């Protein structure tokens, strides 16, 4: 009876061994088994698929899995240790489980391809970074909008009070106070920007294409900024090289784009001039807004048309603004199938060039 029991027990062990070998062979992940000398004695089909054209059996494991050199194989086998390690195999990231089997005096390595996991981690990291950036932009935007609204309102309220309460007000002071109140067009432009940006982003803005006189548009822009330029002692020049500049476009969006560009040019220019030039090259009308201002860094040029961004986004920055203007300009010009180009150098000014082109019909 005892002999029969031993035979049955041995038969069961062999069956278990065969099942384990079959499991290893059919496993979707690579499995390597090697002895205490580092010689590979088993490599399943998955291992051969990942490392083709090599007879893995009999090779030294550290030529296939170089990271094994970092471990004491003898210690892992004798003490049945299990170690987790991440490394690359055939160009893909793998997580390896290194397990010592004292009874068989061997070490086994199970590998799992974690390419998808790494990809998900990267995507999650990018998503978190974007969410954090979005949060910061919202905070910045709310603080700037608050400032852009309060500042001109304080001017209006302050000078209106002076106007109302000062008894013997001279004509000179009266004109000065009214001029300060009138110069608070910045508040109107802030609301205008917000409304326009909202309409563009929600695709509610409906362009109306008609014949417009670009010279008339430039004349209106000049009148709007003439007094502001004089206050800053900046020369505002309009130079038209084409007297008959009639184009089919959306009047409002073209006007607003030029207003924003000229407003920025005056804002960022402390001395010198802002020159608006109108010219025609072949079938294209070219409008340039050039200034002698502070210029734009190469780093910021890359994100010039990104919403709510400015070269200096700190709360102690020198120049006012919401960071919406140039984004809106880009959207408006896209509606007119127009192109905008920028050349700038810190300390030497900027040139914004609008190219009205495409499949529009020109009349000249």
Protein backbone atom coordinates (compact mmCIF):
# COMPACT_ATOMS: atom_id res chain seq x y z
CA UNK A 1 0.00 0.00 0.00
CA UNK A 2 2.80 2.43 0.93
CA UNK A 3 4.60 1.77 -2.35
CA UNK A 4 1.38 2.42 -4.28
CA UNK A 5 0.87 5.67 -2.32
CA UNK A 6 4.39 6.85 -3.17
CA UNK A 7 3.84 6.06 -6.87
CA UNK A 8 0.53 7.97 -6.87
CA UNK A 9 2.14 10.92 -5.07
CA UNK A 10 5.01 11.01 -7.58
CA UNK A 11 2.52 10.78 -10.44
CA UNK A 12 0.57 13.73 -8.97
CA UNK A 13 3.75 15.78 -8.62
CA UNK A 14 4.64 15.09 -12.25
CA UNK A 15 1.17 16.12 -13.34
CA UNK A 16 1.48 19.37 -11.35
CA UNK A 17 4.88 20.00 -12.88
CA UNK A 18 3.49 19.43 -16.38
CA UNK A 19 0.56 21.74 -15.66
CA UNK A 20 2.90 24.44 -14.36
CA UNK A 21 5.11 24.04 -17.41
CA UNK A 22 2.05 24.24 -19.66
CA UNK A 23 0.88 27.34 -17.75
CA UNK A 24 4.28 28.97 -18.20
CA UNK A 25 4.32 28.08 -21.89
CA UNK A 26 0.85 29.48 -22.54
CA UNK A 27 1.16 32.57 -20.32
CA UNK A 28 0.70 35.82 -22.28
CA UNK A 29 3.58 37.44 -20.41
CA UNK A 30 7.26 36.49 -20.74
CA UNK A 31 8.60 34.00 -18.18
CA UNK A 32 12.27 33.12 -17.71
CA UNK A 33 13.70 30.44 -15.43
CA UNK A 34 17.40 30.11 -14.73
CA UNK A 35 19.64 28.20 -12.33
CA UNK A 36 21.97 29.57 -9.65
CA UNK A 37 24.69 29.99 -12.28
CA UNK A 38 22.48 32.30 -14.33
CA UNK A 39 21.85 29.86 -17.17
CA UNK A 40 18.36 30.03 -18.70
CA UNK A 41 16.60 26.67 -18.44
CA UNK A 42 13.12 27.84 -19.47
CA UNK A 43 11.76 30.65 -21.65
CA UNK A 44 8.13 30.53 -22.71
CA UNK A 45 6.58 31.41 -26.08
CA UNK A 46 5.90 35.00 -25.03
CA UNK A 47 9.56 35.48 -24.16
CA UNK A 48 10.61 34.14 -27.59
CA UNK A 49 8.10 36.45 -29.32
CA UNK A 50 9.51 39.49 -27.55
CA UNK A 51 13.11 38.41 -28.19
CA UNK A 52 12.96 36.59 -31.55
CA UNK A 53 15.85 35.05 -33.50
CA UNK A 54 17.63 33.90 -30.32
CA UNK A 55 17.95 30.48 -28.74
CA UNK A 56 17.26 31.65 -25.21
CA UNK A 57 17.71 28.25 -23.59
CA UNK A 58 21.25 27.86 -22.36
CA UNK A 59 22.09 31.58 -22.59
CA UNK A 60 23.22 33.58 -19.59
CA UNK A 61 20.23 35.47 -18.23
CA UNK A 62 22.12 38.75 -17.81
CA UNK A 63 22.69 38.91 -21.60
CA UNK A 64 18.90 38.88 -22.05
CA UNK A 65 17.88 40.71 -18.88
CA UNK A 66 20.87 42.96 -18.02
CA UNK A 67 19.27 44.26 -14.81
CA UNK A 68 19.74 40.81 -13.21
CA UNK A 69 23.40 41.80 -12.64
CA UNK A 70 22.20 44.18 -9.93
CA UNK A 71 20.94 41.31 -7.74
CA UNK A 72 22.54 38.47 -5.76
CA UNK A 73 20.90 35.49 -7.50
CA UNK A 74 22.29 32.97 -5.02
CA UNK A 75 20.73 34.89 -2.10
CA UNK A 76 17.36 35.25 -3.87
CA UNK A 77 17.16 31.50 -4.58
CA UNK A 78 18.34 30.26 -1.18
CA UNK A 79 16.07 32.56 0.80
CA UNK A 80 13.10 32.42 -1.57
CA UNK A 81 13.04 36.18 -1.97
CA UNK A 82 10.62 38.05 -4.24
CA UNK A 83 11.67 41.35 -5.78
CA UNK A 84 9.77 43.74 -8.05
CA UNK A 85 11.74 45.70 -10.60
CA UNK A 86 10.85 47.93 -13.55
CA UNK A 87 13.00 48.09 -16.68
CA UNK A 88 12.67 48.04 -20.45
CA UNK A 89 12.60 44.95 -22.67
CA UNK A 90 12.68 45.18 -26.46
CA UNK A 91 12.04 48.93 -26.16
CA UNK A 92 8.91 48.65 -23.99
CA UNK A 93 8.57 49.26 -20.24
CA UNK A 94 8.10 46.05 -18.22
CA UNK A 95 7.46 45.32 -14.59
CA UNK A 96 9.37 42.21 -13.52
CA UNK A 97 8.76 39.91 -10.57
CA UNK A 98 11.96 38.09 -9.63
CA UNK A 99 11.19 35.07 -7.43
CA UNK A 100 13.58 32.54 -5.91
CA UNK A 101 12.45 28.87 -5.65
CA UNK A 102 14.70 27.14 -3.08
CA UNK A 103 13.26 23.64 -3.60
CA UNK A 104 14.15 23.66 -7.29
CA UNK A 105 17.31 25.74 -6.79
CA UNK A 106 16.17 28.09 -9.55
CA UNK A 107 15.05 31.69 -10.00
CA UNK A 108 12.06 32.67 -12.08
CA UNK A 109 11.32 36.06 -13.67
CA UNK A 110 7.80 37.05 -14.64
CA UNK A 111 7.46 40.07 -16.90
CA UNK A 112 4.43 42.28 -17.52
CA UNK A 113 4.27 44.86 -20.30
CA UNK A 114 3.19 48.15 -18.70
CA UNK A 115 3.27 50.30 -21.85
CA UNK A 116 -0.45 51.09 -21.59
CA UNK A 117 -0.13 51.85 -17.89
CA UNK A 118 2.76 54.26 -18.56
CA UNK A 119 0.78 55.87 -21.38
CA UNK A 120 -2.20 56.33 -19.06
CA UNK A 121 0.10 57.82 -16.40
CA UNK A 122 1.53 60.29 -18.92
CA UNK A 123 -1.94 61.26 -20.15
CA UNK A 124 -3.12 61.70 -16.56
CA UNK A 125 -0.10 63.86 -15.75
CA UNK A 126 -0.73 66.04 -18.82
CA UNK A 127 -4.43 66.31 -17.92
CA UNK A 128 -3.56 67.35 -14.36
CA UNK A 129 -1.06 69.92 -15.63
CA UNK A 130 -3.66 71.35 -18.02
CA UNK A 131 -6.27 71.44 -15.27
CA UNK A 132 -3.84 73.27 -12.98
CA UNK A 133 -2.93 75.69 -15.77
CA UNK A 134 -6.63 76.28 -16.48
CA UNK A 135 -7.26 76.97 -12.79
CA UNK A 136 -4.40 79.49 -12.65
CA UNK A 137 -5.61 81.19 -15.84
CA UNK A 138 -9.13 81.49 -14.41
CA UNK A 139 -7.79 82.99 -11.19
CA UNK A 140 -5.61 85.39 -13.16
CA UNK A 141 -8.47 86.29 -15.50
CA UNK A 142 -10.89 87.04 -12.65
CA UNK A 143 -8.34 89.23 -10.87
CA UNK A 144 -7.52 91.14 -14.07
CA UNK A 145 -11.17 91.62 -15.06
CA UNK A 146 -11.87 92.96 -11.58
CA UNK A 147 -8.95 95.39 -11.96
CA UNK A 148 -9.90 96.37 -15.52
CA UNK A 149 -13.43 97.25 -14.40
CA UNK A 150 -12.67 98.91 -11.08
CA UNK A 151 -9.85 101.18 -12.25
CA UNK A 152 -11.80 103.16 -14.89
CA UNK A 153 -14.90 103.17 -12.68
CA UNK A 154 -12.86 104.78 -9.89
CA UNK A 155 -11.68 107.43 -12.37
CA UNK A 156 -15.23 108.14 -13.52
CA UNK A 157 -16.65 108.27 -9.98
CA UNK A 158 -13.72 110.32 -8.64
CA UNK A 159 -13.80 113.01 -11.31
CA UNK A 160 -17.61 113.06 -11.37
CA UNK A 161 -17.55 113.82 -7.61
CA UNK A 162 -15.00 116.57 -8.13
CA UNK A 163 -17.12 117.99 -10.93
CA UNK A 164 -20.26 117.93 -8.77
CA UNK A 165 -18.77 119.21 -5.50
CA UNK A 166 -16.29 121.84 -6.62
CA UNK A 167 -18.14 125.17 -6.39
CA UNK A 168 -16.02 127.63 -8.33
CA UNK A 169 -14.86 125.29 -11.08
CA UNK A 170 -12.98 126.92 -13.92
CA UNK A 171 -13.58 126.07 -17.55
CA UNK A 172 -10.05 124.68 -17.74
CA UNK A 173 -10.68 122.29 -14.85
CA UNK A 174 -14.09 121.39 -16.26
CA UNK A 175 -12.54 120.35 -19.58
CA UNK A 176 -9.77 118.46 -17.73
CA UNK A 177 -12.26 116.51 -15.61
CA UNK A 178 -14.44 115.71 -18.63
CA UNK A 179 -11.36 114.59 -20.54
CA UNK A 180 -10.42 112.18 -17.75
CA UNK A 181 -13.96 110.80 -17.61
CA UNK A 182 -14.07 110.50 -21.39
CA UNK A 183 -10.72 108.68 -21.46
CA UNK A 184 -12.27 105.84 -19.49
CA UNK A 185 -13.16 104.14 -22.78
CA UNK A 186 -11.01 101.36 -21.40
CA UNK A 187 -14.06 100.15 -19.43
CA UNK A 188 -16.15 100.02 -22.59
CA UNK A 189 -13.39 98.14 -24.44
CA UNK A 190 -13.11 95.60 -21.60
CA UNK A 191 -16.81 94.74 -21.81
CA UNK A 192 -16.63 94.78 -25.59
CA UNK A 193 -13.77 92.27 -25.51
CA UNK A 194 -15.64 89.96 -23.15
CA UNK A 195 -18.82 90.03 -25.22
CA UNK A 196 -16.97 89.56 -28.51
CA UNK A 197 -14.86 86.70 -27.13
CA UNK A 198 -17.97 85.01 -25.76
CA UNK A 199 -19.72 85.26 -29.13
CA UNK A 200 -16.73 83.93 -31.03
CA UNK A 201 -16.10 81.04 -28.63
CA UNK A 202 -19.77 79.96 -28.75
CA UNK A 203 -19.95 80.47 -32.52
CA UNK A 204 -22.70 83.05 -32.08
CA UNK A 205 -20.89 85.85 -33.89
CA UNK A 206 -22.34 86.20 -37.39
CA UNK A 207 -20.02 88.10 -39.76
CA UNK A 208 -21.60 90.36 -42.34
CA UNK A 209 -19.49 90.54 -45.46
CA UNK A 210 -19.81 93.74 -47.44
CA UNK A 211 -17.71 96.31 -49.26
CA UNK A 212 -15.67 98.31 -46.78
CA UNK A 213 -13.25 101.17 -47.32
CA UNK A 214 -10.04 100.35 -45.47
CA UNK A 215 -8.94 104.00 -45.57
CA UNK A 216 -12.15 104.99 -43.79
CA UNK A 217 -11.55 102.28 -41.19
CA UNK A 218 -8.01 103.54 -40.56
CA UNK A 219 -9.27 107.13 -40.29
CA UNK A 220 -11.81 106.09 -37.62
CA UNK A 221 -9.14 104.17 -35.70
CA UNK A 222 -6.83 107.21 -35.83
CA UNK A 223 -9.57 109.48 -34.40
CA UNK A 224 -10.24 107.06 -31.57
CA UNK A 225 -6.61 106.97 -30.41
CA UNK A 226 -5.39 110.44 -31.40
CA UNK A 227 -5.87 112.05 -27.97
CA UNK A 228 -4.52 109.00 -26.12
CA UNK A 229 -1.34 109.07 -28.23
CA UNK A 230 -0.94 112.82 -27.57
CA UNK A 231 -1.24 112.25 -23.82
CA UNK A 232 1.66 109.79 -23.98
CA UNK A 233 3.60 112.10 -26.32
CA UNK A 234 3.65 109.39 -29.01
CA UNK A 235 3.33 110.13 -32.70
CA UNK A 236 0.38 108.27 -34.23
CA UNK A 237 0.81 108.09 -38.01
CA UNK A 238 -1.45 106.71 -40.72
CA UNK A 239 0.34 106.10 -44.01
CA UNK A 240 -1.92 104.93 -46.85
CA UNK A 241 -0.25 103.98 -50.13
CA UNK A 242 -3.53 103.07 -51.81
CA UNK A 243 -6.34 105.63 -52.02
CA UNK A 244 -8.89 103.20 -53.38
CA UNK A 245 -8.80 100.32 -50.90
CA UNK A 246 -12.25 98.73 -51.11
CA UNK A 247 -12.48 95.15 -49.92
CA UNK A 248 -15.22 92.59 -49.24
CA UNK A 249 -14.96 91.80 -45.50
CA UNK A 250 -16.76 91.98 -42.17
CA UNK A 251 -16.52 95.63 -41.14
CA UNK A 252 -16.91 95.16 -37.38
CA UNK A 253 -14.31 92.38 -36.96
CA UNK A 254 -11.72 94.15 -39.15
CA UNK A 255 -12.24 97.43 -37.25
CA UNK A 256 -12.02 95.70 -33.86
CA UNK A 257 -8.83 93.88 -34.88
CA UNK A 258 -7.16 97.16 -35.83
CA UNK A 259 -8.44 98.90 -32.69
CA UNK A 260 -6.92 96.15 -30.55
CA UNK A 261 -3.57 96.23 -32.37
CA UNK A 262 -3.29 100.03 -32.16
CA UNK A 263 -4.41 100.02 -28.52
CA UNK A 264 -1.66 97.50 -27.70
CA UNK A 265 0.94 99.41 -29.71
CA UNK A 266 0.25 102.64 -27.79
CA UNK A 267 0.02 100.82 -24.47
CA UNK A 268 3.44 99.18 -24.82
CA UNK A 269 5.20 102.23 -26.32
CA UNK A 270 6.70 104.77 -23.92
CA UNK A 271 8.30 107.02 -26.52
CA UNK A 272 8.61 107.24 -30.29
CA UNK A 273 5.75 106.42 -32.63
CA UNK A 274 3.01 104.06 -33.73
CA UNK A 275 2.61 103.90 -37.50
CA UNK A 276 -0.27 102.27 -39.39
CA UNK A 277 0.55 101.54 -43.05
CA UNK A 278 -1.86 100.42 -45.76
CA UNK A 279 -0.48 98.98 -49.00
CA UNK A 280 -1.44 96.58 -51.77
CA UNK A 281 0.70 93.73 -53.07
CA UNK A 282 -0.73 91.78 -55.98
CA UNK A 283 -4.32 90.99 -54.90
CA UNK A 284 -3.62 91.36 -51.18
CA UNK A 285 -4.15 94.39 -48.97
CA UNK A 286 -1.44 94.68 -46.34
CA UNK A 287 -2.00 96.61 -43.10
CA UNK A 288 0.98 97.03 -40.77
CA UNK A 289 0.84 98.34 -37.22
CA UNK A 290 4.42 99.15 -36.19
CA UNK A 291 5.58 100.60 -32.89
CA UNK A 292 8.82 101.56 -31.16
CA UNK A 293 7.73 99.98 -27.88
CA UNK A 294 9.10 97.38 -25.49
CA UNK A 295 8.89 94.51 -27.98
CA UNK A 296 8.06 90.88 -27.34
CA UNK A 297 10.37 88.09 -26.18
CA UNK A 298 10.89 85.05 -28.41
CA UNK A 299 9.47 82.83 -25.66
CA UNK A 300 6.21 84.78 -25.44
CA UNK A 301 5.82 85.04 -29.22
CA UNK A 302 5.00 81.31 -29.23
CA UNK A 303 1.87 81.83 -27.10
CA UNK A 304 0.97 85.33 -28.29
CA UNK A 305 -2.57 84.40 -29.35
CA UNK A 306 -3.38 82.21 -26.32
CA UNK A 307 -6.32 83.52 -24.24
CA UNK A 308 -5.64 85.33 -20.94
CA UNK A 309 -1.87 85.41 -21.40
CA UNK A 310 0.52 88.34 -21.31
CA UNK A 311 4.31 88.60 -21.33
CA UNK A 312 4.18 89.53 -17.66
CA UNK A 313 1.34 87.79 -15.83
CA UNK A 314 2.32 88.84 -12.31
CA UNK A 315 0.06 91.04 -10.21
CA UNK A 316 2.74 93.75 -10.17
CA UNK A 317 3.00 94.02 -13.96
CA UNK A 318 3.34 97.51 -15.46
CA UNK A 319 0.74 97.25 -18.22
CA UNK A 320 -3.01 96.84 -17.99
CA UNK A 321 -5.12 94.39 -19.98
CA UNK A 322 -7.15 91.20 -19.89
CA UNK A 323 -4.96 89.09 -22.17
CA UNK A 324 -7.93 88.55 -24.50
CA UNK A 325 -7.20 91.11 -27.21
CA UNK A 326 -4.79 89.28 -29.51
CA UNK A 327 -6.75 86.03 -29.21
CA UNK A 328 -9.84 87.88 -30.41
CA UNK A 329 -7.84 89.50 -33.23
CA UNK A 330 -6.78 86.05 -34.44
CA UNK A 331 -10.36 84.75 -34.32
CA UNK A 332 -11.72 87.82 -36.13
CA UNK A 333 -9.08 87.65 -38.86
CA UNK A 334 -9.73 83.93 -39.33
CA UNK A 335 -13.39 84.78 -39.98
CA UNK A 336 -12.21 87.07 -42.79
CA UNK A 337 -9.77 84.46 -44.12
CA UNK A 338 -7.02 86.94 -43.31
CA UNK A 339 -3.56 86.19 -41.96
CA UNK A 340 -1.59 87.91 -39.21
CA UNK A 341 2.19 87.89 -38.84
CA UNK A 342 4.36 89.31 -36.07
CA UNK A 343 7.94 90.51 -35.98
CA UNK A 344 9.35 91.76 -32.73
CA UNK A 345 12.52 92.25 -30.75
CA UNK A 346 12.66 93.16 -27.05
CA UNK A 347 13.50 96.83 -26.64
CA UNK A 348 13.10 97.61 -30.35
CA UNK A 349 9.37 97.43 -30.97
CA UNK A 350 6.94 95.21 -32.86
CA UNK A 351 5.30 95.00 -36.27
CA UNK A 352 1.93 93.28 -36.66
CA UNK A 353 1.03 92.61 -40.30
CA UNK A 354 -2.51 91.82 -41.45
CA UNK A 355 -2.78 90.20 -44.87
CA UNK A 356 -6.29 90.35 -46.31
CA UNK A 357 -6.25 87.57 -48.88
CA UNK A 358 -7.90 84.30 -49.88
CA UNK A 359 -10.96 83.76 -52.04
CA UNK A 360 -12.47 87.20 -51.31
CA UNK A 361 -13.29 89.47 -54.25
CA UNK A 362 -11.23 92.63 -54.33
CA UNK A 363 -12.12 95.90 -55.96
CA UNK A 364 -9.43 98.49 -56.53
